[in-house]
Amino acid sequence: MLNAYQILVRCIVLAVCTAALGACGQRGELYLPTEPAAQGRASLPDAVVPTLPARTPTTTQP
């Protein structure tokens, strides 16, 4: 069975690993791009849940 010291050490190691991986690749301040080239890029909600293309009504010939 784990004693209190082992639990404390594991929690600290887990917190340090989480912080290290959470900050991986992050540098500089976050901002929304305003240049014209950024207008056509997908936003995060568009990337996660892409919208379906509009369906054109089809007519059937009798």
N, C-alpha and C. Protein backbone atom coordinates (compact mmCIF):
# COMPACT_ATOMS: atom_id res chain seq x y z
N MET A 1 0.84 -1.17 0.00
CA MET A 1 0.00 0.00 0.00
C MET A 1 0.89 1.24 0.00
N LEU A 2 0.42 2.27 -0.65
CA LEU A 2 1.21 3.50 -0.75
C LEU A 2 1.11 4.30 0.55
N ASN A 3 2.23 4.86 0.93
CA ASN A 3 2.17 5.74 2.09
C ASN A 3 2.03 7.19 1.62
N ALA A 4 1.87 8.10 2.54
CA ALA A 4 1.61 9.50 2.20
C ALA A 4 2.76 10.12 1.41
N TYR A 5 3.99 9.75 1.72
CA TYR A 5 5.15 10.31 1.02
C TYR A 5 5.14 9.91 -0.46
N GLN A 6 4.85 8.66 -0.76
CA GLN A 6 4.81 8.20 -2.14
C GLN A 6 3.69 8.88 -2.91
N ILE A 7 2.56 9.06 -2.28
CA ILE A 7 1.44 9.74 -2.94
C ILE A 7 1.80 11.19 -3.24
N LEU A 8 2.43 11.86 -2.29
CA LEU A 8 2.84 13.25 -2.48
C LEU A 8 3.85 13.37 -3.61
N VAL A 9 4.85 12.49 -3.64
CA VAL A 9 5.86 12.54 -4.69
C VAL A 9 5.22 12.29 -6.05
N ARG A 10 4.33 11.34 -6.15
CA ARG A 10 3.68 11.05 -7.43
C ARG A 10 2.81 12.22 -7.90
N CYS A 11 2.13 12.87 -6.98
CA CYS A 11 1.32 14.03 -7.35
C CYS A 11 2.19 15.18 -7.84
N ILE A 12 3.32 15.40 -7.18
CA ILE A 12 4.23 16.47 -7.62
C ILE A 12 4.81 16.15 -8.99
N VAL A 13 5.23 14.92 -9.21
CA VAL A 13 5.78 14.52 -10.51
C VAL A 13 4.71 14.67 -11.59
N LEU A 14 3.50 14.27 -11.31
CA LEU A 14 2.41 14.40 -12.27
C LEU A 14 2.13 15.87 -12.59
N ALA A 15 2.14 16.73 -11.58
CA ALA A 15 1.91 18.16 -11.80
C ALA A 15 3.02 18.78 -12.64
N VAL A 16 4.27 18.41 -12.37
CA VAL A 16 5.40 18.95 -13.14
C VAL A 16 5.34 18.47 -14.59
N CYS A 17 5.04 17.21 -14.80
CA CYS A 17 4.92 16.69 -16.17
C CYS A 17 3.77 17.35 -16.92
N THR A 18 2.66 17.55 -16.26
CA THR A 18 1.52 18.22 -16.88
C THR A 18 1.86 19.66 -17.26
N ALA A 19 2.53 20.36 -16.38
CA ALA A 19 2.92 21.74 -16.67
C ALA A 19 3.92 21.79 -17.82
N ALA A 20 4.87 20.86 -17.84
CA ALA A 20 5.87 20.85 -18.90
C ALA A 20 5.24 20.55 -20.25
N LEU A 21 4.33 19.58 -20.30
CA LEU A 21 3.69 19.24 -21.56
C LEU A 21 2.67 20.30 -21.97
N GLY A 22 2.05 20.93 -21.01
CA GLY A 22 1.06 21.96 -21.32
C GLY A 22 1.70 23.20 -21.93
N ALA A 23 2.94 23.47 -21.57
CA ALA A 23 3.64 24.64 -22.09
C ALA A 23 4.47 24.31 -23.32
N CYS A 24 4.43 23.09 -23.76
CA CYS A 24 5.25 22.67 -24.89
C CYS A 24 4.85 23.41 -26.16
N GLY A 25 5.77 24.12 -26.75
CA GLY A 25 5.52 24.82 -27.99
C GLY A 25 4.90 26.19 -27.83
N GLN A 26 4.63 26.63 -26.62
CA GLN A 26 4.01 27.93 -26.40
C GLN A 26 5.09 28.99 -26.22
N ARG A 27 5.02 30.03 -27.03
CA ARG A 27 5.94 31.15 -26.83
C ARG A 27 5.27 32.39 -27.40
N GLY A 28 5.55 33.49 -26.83
CA GLY A 28 4.96 34.73 -27.28
C GLY A 28 3.51 34.86 -26.84
N GLU A 29 2.95 36.01 -27.12
CA GLU A 29 1.56 36.27 -26.74
C GLU A 29 0.61 35.76 -27.81
N LEU A 30 -0.55 35.35 -27.39
CA LEU A 30 -1.57 34.91 -28.34
C LEU A 30 -2.28 36.13 -28.91
N TYR A 31 -2.61 36.09 -30.17
CA TYR A 31 -3.30 37.19 -30.82
C TYR A 31 -4.12 36.66 -31.97
N LEU A 32 -5.09 37.43 -32.39
CA LEU A 32 -5.87 37.10 -33.57
C LEU A 32 -5.23 37.79 -34.77
N PRO A 33 -4.86 37.04 -35.79
CA PRO A 33 -4.22 37.66 -36.95
C PRO A 33 -5.20 38.56 -37.69
N THR A 34 -4.71 39.69 -38.15
CA THR A 34 -5.57 40.64 -38.85
C THR A 34 -5.13 40.87 -40.29
N GLU A 35 -4.03 40.27 -40.72
CA GLU A 35 -3.57 40.48 -42.09
C GLU A 35 -4.54 39.83 -43.07
N PRO A 36 -4.57 40.30 -44.30
CA PRO A 36 -5.52 39.76 -45.29
C PRO A 36 -5.34 38.26 -45.57
N ALA A 37 -4.13 37.76 -45.45
CA ALA A 37 -3.91 36.34 -45.72
C ALA A 37 -4.61 35.45 -44.70
N ALA A 38 -4.92 35.98 -43.53
CA ALA A 38 -5.55 35.19 -42.48
C ALA A 38 -7.06 35.12 -42.61
N GLN A 39 -7.63 35.85 -43.52
CA GLN A 39 -9.09 35.90 -43.63
C GLN A 39 -9.69 34.56 -44.05
N GLY A 40 -8.98 33.79 -44.87
CA GLY A 40 -9.53 32.53 -45.36
C GLY A 40 -9.23 31.34 -44.49
N ARG A 41 -8.48 31.51 -43.42
CA ARG A 41 -8.12 30.39 -42.57
C ARG A 41 -9.29 29.97 -41.69
N ALA A 42 -9.30 28.69 -41.36
CA ALA A 42 -10.35 28.17 -40.49
C ALA A 42 -10.05 28.54 -39.05
N SER A 43 -11.09 28.83 -38.30
CA SER A 43 -10.92 29.09 -36.87
C SER A 43 -11.01 27.76 -36.14
N LEU A 44 -10.77 27.77 -34.85
CA LEU A 44 -10.80 26.52 -34.08
C LEU A 44 -12.17 25.84 -34.15
N PRO A 45 -13.29 26.56 -33.97
CA PRO A 45 -14.58 25.86 -34.09
C PRO A 45 -14.80 25.28 -35.48
N ASP A 46 -14.30 25.96 -36.52
CA ASP A 46 -14.44 25.43 -37.87
C ASP A 46 -13.60 24.18 -38.06
N ALA A 47 -12.45 24.13 -37.41
CA ALA A 47 -11.58 22.97 -37.55
C ALA A 47 -12.11 21.77 -36.77
N VAL A 48 -12.74 22.03 -35.62
CA VAL A 48 -13.24 20.94 -34.79
C VAL A 48 -14.55 20.40 -35.34
N VAL A 49 -15.47 21.29 -35.71
CA VAL A 49 -16.77 20.89 -36.23
C VAL A 49 -16.94 21.56 -37.59
N PRO A 50 -16.46 20.91 -38.64
CA PRO A 50 -16.57 21.55 -39.96
C PRO A 50 -18.03 21.62 -40.40
N THR A 51 -18.35 22.70 -41.05
CA THR A 51 -19.72 22.85 -41.56
C THR A 51 -19.84 22.08 -42.87
N LEU A 52 -20.99 21.54 -43.06
CA LEU A 52 -21.23 20.80 -44.29
C LEU A 52 -21.54 21.78 -45.41
N PRO A 53 -21.14 21.45 -46.62
CA PRO A 53 -21.46 22.34 -47.73
C PRO A 53 -22.97 22.42 -47.94
N ALA A 54 -23.40 23.57 -48.40
CA ALA A 54 -24.84 23.76 -48.62
C ALA A 54 -25.32 22.80 -49.71
N ARG A 55 -26.45 22.20 -49.45
CA ARG A 55 -26.99 21.27 -50.43
C ARG A 55 -27.90 22.02 -51.39
N THR A 56 -27.72 21.76 -52.63
CA THR A 56 -28.59 22.38 -53.62
C THR A 56 -29.78 21.45 -53.84
N PRO A 57 -30.96 22.01 -53.90
CA PRO A 57 -32.13 21.15 -54.09
C PRO A 57 -32.08 20.49 -55.47
N THR A 58 -32.39 19.25 -55.50
CA THR A 58 -32.41 18.53 -56.77
C THR A 58 -33.86 18.34 -57.20
N THR A 59 -34.07 18.52 -58.44
CA THR A 59 -35.42 18.32 -58.97
C THR A 59 -35.44 17.00 -59.72
N THR A 60 -36.51 16.30 -59.56
CA THR A 60 -36.64 15.01 -60.27
C THR A 60 -37.59 15.21 -61.44
N GLN A 61 -37.26 14.59 -62.49
CA GLN A 61 -38.10 14.65 -63.69
C GLN A 61 -39.10 13.51 -63.65
N PRO A 62 -40.39 13.80 -63.83
CA PRO A 62 -41.40 12.71 -63.80
C PRO A 62 -41.34 11.83 -65.02
